[in-house]
Amino acid sequence: AGFVVVPLRPEAVHASRPRHRAASSKDDAHDAFVIADMVRLDGARLRPLQPASDAVRAVRALSHMRTALVEQRVATSNQLRALLEGFWPMPAALFRGLDSKIALAFLERYPDPRSGEGLDEHVLSRFLKERRYTGGNRAELFSRMASAPVGTTGARESAAKARIVRLHV
């Protein structure tokens, strides 16, 4: 709007109150007078607030959007983990991050316990090799797969939840 904005610290306004009145109690009208007098007397030492440049505003916008997207990814991953732990806990036990490429590929191929019935070390090893998975210790993955709890849902519930898993993948 074309106004010059001069930021002042509240402590500076509080410290200037006694200069204008014996009682330094807070009074909005008195504070307005104190602030105006500070700008008038000390204006040469005060720096007006400068609007952010276009580049700074662009970086802020990108940063805020990235933060929002990361928060959304974490929330979706947490929802997927909660869903899986209720009916097909093995993928959540197998992979640390359900938002990783390998975990998503696994869930796309094995979205429910029925699709993972024949899954053993050999099948998992072939699956990992097909996807050129190089991360993690395979023996540890096999151990996690063997010790993962088994879901306790019926066939229809499992099929319905598998459809939800596919929507997340």
N, C-alpha and C. Protein backbone atom coordinates (compact mmCIF):
# COMPACT_ATOMS: atom_id res chain seq x y z
N ALA A 1 0.83 -1.20 0.00
CA ALA A 1 0.00 0.00 0.00
C ALA A 1 0.86 1.25 0.00
N GLY A 2 2.17 1.07 0.00
CA GLY A 2 3.05 2.23 -0.04
C GLY A 2 3.46 2.77 1.32
N PHE A 3 3.03 2.16 2.40
CA PHE A 3 3.41 2.62 3.74
C PHE A 3 4.80 2.12 4.08
N VAL A 4 5.55 2.92 4.81
CA VAL A 4 6.85 2.51 5.31
C VAL A 4 6.62 1.85 6.67
N VAL A 5 7.10 0.62 6.80
CA VAL A 5 6.94 -0.13 8.05
C VAL A 5 8.28 -0.21 8.74
N VAL A 6 8.32 0.23 10.00
CA VAL A 6 9.55 0.20 10.78
C VAL A 6 9.34 -0.77 11.95
N PRO A 7 10.02 -1.91 11.92
CA PRO A 7 9.85 -2.86 13.03
C PRO A 7 10.55 -2.35 14.29
N LEU A 8 9.87 -2.46 15.42
CA LEU A 8 10.43 -2.08 16.71
C LEU A 8 10.26 -3.24 17.67
N ARG A 9 11.25 -3.43 18.50
CA ARG A 9 11.15 -4.48 19.51
C ARG A 9 10.26 -4.00 20.65
N PRO A 10 9.40 -4.87 21.16
CA PRO A 10 8.55 -4.48 22.29
C PRO A 10 9.35 -4.00 23.50
N GLU A 11 10.54 -4.58 23.70
CA GLU A 11 11.38 -4.16 24.83
C GLU A 11 11.82 -2.70 24.67
N ALA A 12 12.07 -2.30 23.41
CA ALA A 12 12.50 -0.91 23.17
C ALA A 12 11.36 0.06 23.47
N VAL A 13 10.14 -0.32 23.09
CA VAL A 13 8.98 0.54 23.40
C VAL A 13 8.80 0.62 24.91
N HIS A 14 8.91 -0.52 25.60
CA HIS A 14 8.76 -0.54 27.05
C HIS A 14 9.82 0.33 27.72
N ALA A 15 11.06 0.26 27.22
CA ALA A 15 12.14 1.05 27.80
C ALA A 15 11.95 2.54 27.55
N SER A 16 11.25 2.93 26.50
CA SER A 16 11.05 4.34 26.18
C SER A 16 9.85 4.95 26.90
N ARG A 17 8.98 4.16 27.50
CA ARG A 17 7.80 4.69 28.19
C ARG A 17 8.15 5.71 29.26
N PRO A 18 9.12 5.46 30.14
CA PRO A 18 9.41 6.44 31.20
C PRO A 18 9.88 7.80 30.68
N ARG A 19 10.40 7.84 29.48
CA ARG A 19 10.83 9.10 28.89
C ARG A 19 9.67 10.06 28.71
N HIS A 20 8.46 9.52 28.59
CA HIS A 20 7.30 10.33 28.27
C HIS A 20 6.30 10.46 29.41
N ARG A 21 6.39 9.60 30.40
CA ARG A 21 5.44 9.64 31.50
C ARG A 21 6.07 9.00 32.72
N ALA A 22 5.76 9.47 33.86
CA ALA A 22 6.33 8.95 35.10
C ALA A 22 5.89 7.51 35.32
N ALA A 23 4.61 7.21 35.14
CA ALA A 23 4.12 5.85 35.31
C ALA A 23 4.35 5.10 34.00
N SER A 24 4.97 3.95 34.10
CA SER A 24 5.28 3.22 32.86
C SER A 24 4.25 2.11 32.61
N SER A 25 3.02 2.32 33.02
CA SER A 25 1.99 1.32 32.77
C SER A 25 1.64 1.30 31.29
N LYS A 26 1.13 0.16 30.84
CA LYS A 26 0.81 0.01 29.43
C LYS A 26 -0.53 0.68 29.13
N ASP A 27 -0.51 1.53 28.12
CA ASP A 27 -1.71 2.22 27.65
C ASP A 27 -1.54 2.35 26.15
N ASP A 28 -2.50 1.83 25.36
CA ASP A 28 -2.35 1.79 23.91
C ASP A 28 -2.15 3.17 23.30
N ALA A 29 -2.91 4.14 23.76
CA ALA A 29 -2.77 5.49 23.22
C ALA A 29 -1.41 6.06 23.56
N HIS A 30 -0.96 5.82 24.78
CA HIS A 30 0.36 6.31 25.19
C HIS A 30 1.45 5.59 24.39
N ASP A 31 1.29 4.24 24.18
CA ASP A 31 2.28 3.50 23.40
C ASP A 31 2.35 4.00 21.97
N ALA A 32 1.23 4.37 21.38
CA ALA A 32 1.23 4.92 20.02
C ALA A 32 2.05 6.20 19.98
N PHE A 33 1.90 7.04 20.98
CA PHE A 33 2.67 8.27 21.07
C PHE A 33 4.15 7.95 21.23
N VAL A 34 4.48 6.98 22.08
CA VAL A 34 5.87 6.59 22.32
C VAL A 34 6.50 6.06 21.02
N ILE A 35 5.76 5.22 20.31
CA ILE A 35 6.28 4.65 19.06
C ILE A 35 6.50 5.74 18.02
N ALA A 36 5.55 6.65 17.87
CA ALA A 36 5.69 7.75 16.91
C ALA A 36 6.89 8.61 17.27
N ASP A 37 7.08 8.87 18.57
CA ASP A 37 8.21 9.69 19.00
C ASP A 37 9.53 8.96 18.77
N MET A 38 9.55 7.64 18.99
CA MET A 38 10.77 6.87 18.73
C MET A 38 11.16 6.95 17.26
N VAL A 39 10.17 6.81 16.38
CA VAL A 39 10.46 6.87 14.94
C VAL A 39 10.92 8.27 14.56
N ARG A 40 10.31 9.29 15.16
CA ARG A 40 10.68 10.68 14.85
C ARG A 40 12.10 10.97 15.33
N LEU A 41 12.43 10.57 16.57
CA LEU A 41 13.73 10.91 17.14
C LEU A 41 14.84 9.97 16.67
N ASP A 42 14.54 8.69 16.58
CA ASP A 42 15.56 7.69 16.27
C ASP A 42 15.42 7.14 14.85
N GLY A 43 14.62 7.76 14.03
CA GLY A 43 14.33 7.25 12.69
C GLY A 43 15.56 7.00 11.84
N ALA A 44 16.60 7.81 12.01
CA ALA A 44 17.80 7.64 11.20
C ALA A 44 18.51 6.33 11.53
N ARG A 45 18.34 5.85 12.75
CA ARG A 45 19.00 4.59 13.16
C ARG A 45 18.12 3.37 12.91
N LEU A 46 16.86 3.57 12.64
CA LEU A 46 15.94 2.45 12.43
C LEU A 46 15.88 2.11 10.94
N ARG A 47 15.85 0.80 10.66
CA ARG A 47 15.80 0.38 9.26
C ARG A 47 14.37 -0.01 8.91
N PRO A 48 13.83 0.61 7.86
CA PRO A 48 12.49 0.22 7.41
C PRO A 48 12.49 -1.22 6.89
N LEU A 49 11.37 -1.87 7.08
CA LEU A 49 11.21 -3.23 6.60
C LEU A 49 11.14 -3.21 5.07
N GLN A 50 11.93 -4.07 4.45
CA GLN A 50 11.95 -4.16 2.99
C GLN A 50 11.14 -5.38 2.57
N PRO A 51 10.28 -5.25 1.57
CA PRO A 51 9.54 -6.43 1.10
C PRO A 51 10.50 -7.46 0.52
N ALA A 52 10.15 -8.71 0.67
CA ALA A 52 10.99 -9.78 0.15
C ALA A 52 11.02 -9.70 -1.38
N SER A 53 12.17 -10.06 -1.92
CA SER A 53 12.32 -10.05 -3.37
C SER A 53 11.52 -11.19 -3.99
N ASP A 54 11.34 -11.12 -5.29
CA ASP A 54 10.60 -12.16 -6.00
C ASP A 54 11.29 -13.51 -5.84
N ALA A 55 12.62 -13.52 -5.86
CA ALA A 55 13.37 -14.77 -5.70
C ALA A 55 13.14 -15.37 -4.32
N VAL A 56 13.14 -14.54 -3.29
CA VAL A 56 12.92 -15.02 -1.92
C VAL A 56 11.50 -15.57 -1.79
N ARG A 57 10.53 -14.88 -2.34
CA ARG A 57 9.14 -15.36 -2.28
C ARG A 57 8.98 -16.69 -3.04
N ALA A 58 9.72 -16.83 -4.15
CA ALA A 58 9.66 -18.08 -4.91
C ALA A 58 10.25 -19.23 -4.10
N VAL A 59 11.39 -19.00 -3.45
CA VAL A 59 12.01 -20.03 -2.63
C VAL A 59 11.09 -20.39 -1.46
N ARG A 60 10.48 -19.40 -0.83
CA ARG A 60 9.53 -19.67 0.26
C ARG A 60 8.37 -20.53 -0.21
N ALA A 61 7.82 -20.20 -1.38
CA ALA A 61 6.68 -20.96 -1.92
C ALA A 61 7.09 -22.42 -2.18
N LEU A 62 8.26 -22.61 -2.78
CA LEU A 62 8.74 -23.97 -3.05
C LEU A 62 9.01 -24.73 -1.75
N SER A 63 9.58 -24.04 -0.78
CA SER A 63 9.88 -24.66 0.50
C SER A 63 8.60 -25.08 1.22
N HIS A 64 7.60 -24.20 1.23
CA HIS A 64 6.33 -24.53 1.87
C HIS A 64 5.65 -25.71 1.16
N MET A 65 5.71 -25.72 -0.16
CA MET A 65 5.09 -26.81 -0.91
C MET A 65 5.81 -28.12 -0.66
N ARG A 66 7.14 -28.08 -0.61
CA ARG A 66 7.90 -29.30 -0.34
C ARG A 66 7.56 -29.83 1.05
N THR A 67 7.49 -28.95 2.03
CA THR A 67 7.13 -29.36 3.38
C THR A 67 5.75 -30.01 3.40
N ALA A 68 4.80 -29.40 2.71
CA ALA A 68 3.43 -29.95 2.66
C ALA A 68 3.42 -31.32 1.99
N LEU A 69 4.19 -31.47 0.92
CA LEU A 69 4.23 -32.76 0.22
C LEU A 69 4.90 -33.85 1.07
N VAL A 70 5.95 -33.49 1.78
CA VAL A 70 6.60 -34.47 2.66
C VAL A 70 5.66 -34.88 3.78
N GLU A 71 4.95 -33.91 4.36
CA GLU A 71 3.98 -34.24 5.41
C GLU A 71 2.89 -35.15 4.88
N GLN A 72 2.44 -34.90 3.65
CA GLN A 72 1.41 -35.74 3.05
C GLN A 72 1.92 -37.14 2.78
N ARG A 73 3.17 -37.25 2.31
CA ARG A 73 3.76 -38.56 2.06
C ARG A 73 3.88 -39.36 3.35
N VAL A 74 4.31 -38.70 4.42
CA VAL A 74 4.44 -39.37 5.72
C VAL A 74 3.06 -39.81 6.22
N ALA A 75 2.06 -38.94 6.08
CA ALA A 75 0.71 -39.28 6.53
C ALA A 75 0.16 -40.47 5.75
N THR A 76 0.37 -40.47 4.43
CA THR A 76 -0.11 -41.58 3.60
C THR A 76 0.62 -42.87 3.94
N SER A 77 1.91 -42.79 4.17
CA SER A 77 2.69 -43.96 4.55
C SER A 77 2.21 -44.51 5.90
N ASN A 78 1.91 -43.62 6.84
CA ASN A 78 1.40 -44.05 8.15
C ASN A 78 0.03 -44.70 8.02
N GLN A 79 -0.82 -44.16 7.15
CA GLN A 79 -2.13 -44.77 6.91
C GLN A 79 -1.97 -46.16 6.31
N LEU A 80 -1.06 -46.29 5.36
CA LEU A 80 -0.82 -47.58 4.72
C LEU A 80 -0.30 -48.59 5.75
N ARG A 81 0.64 -48.15 6.59
CA ARG A 81 1.19 -49.03 7.63
C ARG A 81 0.08 -49.50 8.57
N ALA A 82 -0.79 -48.58 9.00
CA ALA A 82 -1.88 -48.95 9.90
C ALA A 82 -2.83 -49.94 9.23
N LEU A 83 -3.12 -49.72 7.97
CA LEU A 83 -3.99 -50.64 7.24
C LEU A 83 -3.36 -52.03 7.15
N LEU A 84 -2.07 -52.08 6.79
CA LEU A 84 -1.39 -53.37 6.64
C LEU A 84 -1.26 -54.12 7.95
N GLU A 85 -0.99 -53.41 9.03
CA GLU A 85 -0.81 -54.08 10.31
C GLU A 85 -2.08 -54.77 10.77
N GLY A 86 -3.23 -54.33 10.25
CA GLY A 86 -4.48 -54.95 10.64
C GLY A 86 -4.81 -56.22 9.87
N PHE A 87 -4.27 -56.39 8.66
CA PHE A 87 -4.67 -57.58 7.89
C PHE A 87 -3.52 -58.27 7.14
N TRP A 88 -2.42 -57.59 6.91
CA TRP A 88 -1.29 -58.17 6.15
C TRP A 88 -0.01 -57.54 6.68
N PRO A 89 0.37 -57.88 7.93
CA PRO A 89 1.48 -57.19 8.61
C PRO A 89 2.87 -57.50 8.06
N MET A 90 3.00 -58.54 7.25
CA MET A 90 4.32 -58.92 6.76
C MET A 90 5.05 -57.82 5.99
N PRO A 91 4.41 -57.11 5.04
CA PRO A 91 5.16 -56.05 4.33
C PRO A 91 5.65 -54.93 5.27
N ALA A 92 4.83 -54.59 6.28
CA ALA A 92 5.25 -53.55 7.23
C ALA A 92 6.43 -54.02 8.06
N ALA A 93 6.50 -55.31 8.35
CA ALA A 93 7.63 -55.86 9.09
C ALA A 93 8.86 -56.03 8.19
N LEU A 94 8.61 -56.31 6.93
CA LEU A 94 9.69 -56.60 5.99
C LEU A 94 10.47 -55.34 5.61
N PHE A 95 9.76 -54.25 5.32
CA PHE A 95 10.42 -53.03 4.84
C PHE A 95 10.29 -51.92 5.88
N ARG A 96 11.37 -51.21 6.10
CA ARG A 96 11.36 -50.11 7.08
C ARG A 96 10.49 -48.95 6.60
N GLY A 97 10.64 -48.57 5.36
CA GLY A 97 9.86 -47.46 4.81
C GLY A 97 8.88 -47.98 3.78
N LEU A 98 7.61 -47.86 4.06
CA LEU A 98 6.62 -48.34 3.10
C LEU A 98 6.49 -47.41 1.89
N ASP A 99 7.14 -46.26 1.95
CA ASP A 99 7.10 -45.36 0.80
C ASP A 99 8.32 -45.54 -0.11
N SER A 100 9.15 -46.55 0.18
CA SER A 100 10.32 -46.81 -0.68
C SER A 100 9.86 -47.50 -1.96
N LYS A 101 10.67 -47.42 -2.99
CA LYS A 101 10.32 -48.02 -4.29
C LYS A 101 10.12 -49.53 -4.17
N ILE A 102 11.01 -50.19 -3.43
CA ILE A 102 10.92 -51.64 -3.33
C ILE A 102 9.67 -52.06 -2.55
N ALA A 103 9.32 -51.33 -1.50
CA ALA A 103 8.13 -51.66 -0.71
C ALA A 103 6.87 -51.45 -1.55
N LEU A 104 6.83 -50.37 -2.31
CA LEU A 104 5.66 -50.11 -3.16
C LEU A 104 5.54 -51.15 -4.27
N ALA A 105 6.68 -51.56 -4.83
CA ALA A 105 6.66 -52.61 -5.86
C ALA A 105 6.18 -53.93 -5.23
N PHE A 106 6.63 -54.21 -4.03
CA PHE A 106 6.21 -55.43 -3.33
C PHE A 106 4.69 -55.41 -3.10
N LEU A 107 4.17 -54.28 -2.62
CA LEU A 107 2.74 -54.18 -2.36
C LEU A 107 1.91 -54.22 -3.64
N GLU A 108 2.48 -53.74 -4.71
CA GLU A 108 1.77 -53.83 -5.99
C GLU A 108 1.64 -55.29 -6.42
N ARG A 109 2.71 -56.07 -6.18
CA ARG A 109 2.71 -57.49 -6.56
C ARG A 109 1.97 -58.35 -5.52
N TYR A 110 2.14 -58.01 -4.24
CA TYR A 110 1.56 -58.79 -3.14
C TYR A 110 0.73 -57.88 -2.23
N PRO A 111 -0.46 -57.47 -2.65
CA PRO A 111 -1.25 -56.51 -1.86
C PRO A 111 -2.00 -57.12 -0.67
N ASP A 112 -2.03 -58.47 -0.60
CA ASP A 112 -2.78 -59.11 0.49
C ASP A 112 -2.17 -60.47 0.80
N PRO A 113 -2.57 -61.08 1.91
CA PRO A 113 -1.99 -62.37 2.29
C PRO A 113 -2.24 -63.47 1.25
N ARG A 114 -3.37 -63.43 0.57
CA ARG A 114 -3.68 -64.45 -0.44
C ARG A 114 -2.66 -64.41 -1.58
N SER A 115 -2.30 -63.20 -2.02
CA SER A 115 -1.32 -63.07 -3.12
C SER A 115 0.08 -63.45 -2.66
N GLY A 116 0.32 -63.44 -1.36
CA GLY A 116 1.65 -63.77 -0.83
C GLY A 116 1.73 -65.17 -0.25
N GLU A 117 0.76 -66.04 -0.54
CA GLU A 117 0.74 -67.38 0.05
C GLU A 117 1.97 -68.21 -0.31
N GLY A 118 2.46 -68.13 -1.51
CA GLY A 118 3.62 -68.93 -1.92
C GLY A 118 4.94 -68.22 -1.70
N LEU A 119 4.92 -67.14 -0.97
CA LEU A 119 6.13 -66.33 -0.77
C LEU A 119 7.08 -67.03 0.20
N ASP A 120 8.26 -67.30 -0.27
CA ASP A 120 9.31 -67.87 0.58
C ASP A 120 10.62 -67.15 0.24
N GLU A 121 11.72 -67.61 0.82
CA GLU A 121 13.00 -66.95 0.59
C GLU A 121 13.38 -66.95 -0.89
N HIS A 122 13.12 -68.04 -1.58
CA HIS A 122 13.48 -68.15 -2.99
C HIS A 122 12.67 -67.15 -3.83
N VAL A 123 11.37 -67.10 -3.60
CA VAL A 123 10.49 -66.19 -4.35
C VAL A 123 10.85 -64.74 -4.05
N LEU A 124 11.08 -64.44 -2.76
CA LEU A 124 11.45 -63.07 -2.39
C LEU A 124 12.80 -62.69 -3.00
N SER A 125 13.74 -63.61 -2.99
CA SER A 125 15.06 -63.35 -3.58
C SER A 125 14.93 -63.04 -5.06
N ARG A 126 14.10 -63.83 -5.78
CA ARG A 126 13.89 -63.60 -7.21
C ARG A 126 13.22 -62.24 -7.43
N PHE A 127 12.23 -61.91 -6.58
CA PHE A 127 11.54 -60.62 -6.68
C PHE A 127 12.54 -59.46 -6.52
N LEU A 128 13.41 -59.57 -5.51
CA LEU A 128 14.39 -58.52 -5.26
C LEU A 128 15.39 -58.42 -6.42
N LYS A 129 15.79 -59.56 -6.96
CA LYS A 129 16.74 -59.56 -8.07
C LYS A 129 16.12 -58.94 -9.32
N GLU A 130 14.85 -59.25 -9.60
CA GLU A 130 14.17 -58.67 -10.77
C GLU A 130 14.12 -57.15 -10.69
N ARG A 131 14.02 -56.64 -9.48
CA ARG A 131 13.92 -55.18 -9.30
C ARG A 131 15.27 -54.54 -8.99
N ARG A 132 16.34 -55.34 -9.12
CA ARG A 132 17.71 -54.86 -8.91
C ARG A 132 17.86 -54.19 -7.54
N TYR A 133 17.25 -54.81 -6.55
CA TYR A 133 17.32 -54.29 -5.18
C TYR A 133 18.71 -54.54 -4.62
N THR A 134 19.40 -53.48 -4.20
CA THR A 134 20.75 -53.61 -3.66
C THR A 134 20.83 -53.21 -2.20
N GLY A 135 19.78 -52.61 -1.67
CA GLY A 135 19.82 -52.14 -0.29
C GLY A 135 19.50 -53.23 0.71
N GLY A 136 20.00 -53.07 1.90
CA GLY A 136 19.64 -53.96 3.00
C GLY A 136 20.30 -55.33 2.93
N ASN A 137 20.30 -55.99 4.03
CA ASN A 137 20.87 -57.31 4.16
C ASN A 137 19.76 -58.33 3.85
N ARG A 138 19.96 -59.17 2.86
CA ARG A 138 18.91 -60.13 2.45
C ARG A 138 18.60 -61.14 3.55
N ALA A 139 19.62 -61.56 4.27
CA ALA A 139 19.38 -62.51 5.37
C ALA A 139 18.47 -61.87 6.42
N GLU A 140 18.67 -60.59 6.68
CA GLU A 140 17.82 -59.87 7.63
C GLU A 140 16.39 -59.78 7.09
N LEU A 141 16.24 -59.51 5.79
CA LEU A 141 14.90 -59.47 5.18
C LEU A 141 14.20 -60.83 5.32
N PHE A 142 14.94 -61.92 5.05
CA PHE A 142 14.35 -63.25 5.16
C PHE A 142 13.94 -63.53 6.60
N SER A 143 14.77 -63.08 7.54
CA SER A 143 14.46 -63.28 8.96
C SER A 143 13.20 -62.51 9.35
N ARG A 144 13.11 -61.26 8.87
CA ARG A 144 11.90 -60.46 9.17
C ARG A 144 10.66 -61.07 8.54
N MET A 145 10.82 -61.61 7.33
CA MET A 145 9.68 -62.23 6.65
C MET A 145 9.21 -63.45 7.44
N ALA A 146 10.14 -64.26 7.92
CA ALA A 146 9.79 -65.48 8.66
C ALA A 146 9.15 -65.17 10.01
N SER A 147 9.57 -64.07 10.64
CA SER A 147 9.05 -63.75 11.98
C SER A 147 7.86 -62.79 11.96
N ALA A 148 7.42 -62.38 10.78
CA ALA A 148 6.30 -61.43 10.68
C ALA A 148 5.00 -62.09 11.15
N PRO A 149 4.17 -61.33 11.87
CA PRO A 149 2.89 -61.89 12.30
C PRO A 149 1.97 -62.15 11.11
N VAL A 150 1.00 -63.01 11.34
CA VAL A 150 0.04 -63.38 10.30
C VAL A 150 -1.25 -62.61 10.54
N GLY A 151 -1.86 -62.11 9.47
CA GLY A 151 -3.12 -61.39 9.58
C GLY A 151 -4.27 -62.33 9.91
N THR A 152 -5.35 -61.76 10.42
CA THR A 152 -6.49 -62.59 10.84
C THR A 152 -7.78 -62.11 10.22
N THR A 153 -7.77 -61.82 8.94
CA THR A 153 -8.99 -61.35 8.28
C THR A 153 -9.52 -62.43 7.35
N GLY A 154 -10.82 -62.33 7.07
CA GLY A 154 -11.44 -63.25 6.14
C GLY A 154 -11.11 -62.88 4.70
N ALA A 155 -11.50 -63.73 3.78
CA ALA A 155 -11.17 -63.56 2.37
C ALA A 155 -11.77 -62.27 1.79
N ARG A 156 -13.03 -61.99 2.11
CA ARG A 156 -13.66 -60.79 1.55
C ARG A 156 -13.06 -59.52 2.12
N GLU A 157 -12.84 -59.50 3.43
CA GLU A 157 -12.22 -58.31 4.04
C GLU A 157 -10.82 -58.11 3.48
N SER A 158 -10.08 -59.19 3.34
CA SER A 158 -8.73 -59.12 2.80
C SER A 158 -8.74 -58.58 1.37
N ALA A 159 -9.68 -59.03 0.55
CA ALA A 159 -9.78 -58.55 -0.84
C ALA A 159 -10.14 -57.07 -0.87
N ALA A 160 -11.05 -56.65 0.02
CA ALA A 160 -11.43 -55.23 0.06
C ALA A 160 -10.24 -54.37 0.48
N LYS A 161 -9.51 -54.83 1.47
CA LYS A 161 -8.35 -54.06 1.94
C LYS A 161 -7.23 -54.07 0.91
N ALA A 162 -7.11 -55.14 0.15
CA ALA A 162 -6.11 -55.18 -0.92
C ALA A 162 -6.40 -54.12 -1.97
N ARG A 163 -7.68 -53.88 -2.24
CA ARG A 163 -8.04 -52.81 -3.18
C ARG A 163 -7.61 -51.45 -2.63
N ILE A 164 -7.75 -51.27 -1.33
CA ILE A 164 -7.32 -50.00 -0.70
C ILE A 164 -5.81 -49.88 -0.79
N VAL A 165 -5.10 -50.97 -0.56
CA VAL A 165 -3.62 -50.96 -0.67
C VAL A 165 -3.23 -50.55 -2.08
N ARG A 166 -3.88 -51.10 -3.08
CA ARG A 166 -3.55 -50.74 -4.47
C ARG A 166 -3.76 -49.26 -4.76
N LEU A 167 -4.73 -48.64 -4.07
CA LEU A 167 -4.95 -47.21 -4.25
C LEU A 167 -3.79 -46.40 -3.68
N HIS A 168 -3.13 -46.91 -2.65
CA HIS A 168 -2.01 -46.21 -2.02
C HIS A 168 -0.73 -46.36 -2.82
N VAL A 169 -0.66 -47.46 -3.60
CA VAL A 169 0.60 -47.77 -4.30
C VAL A 169 0.72 -46.98 -5.56
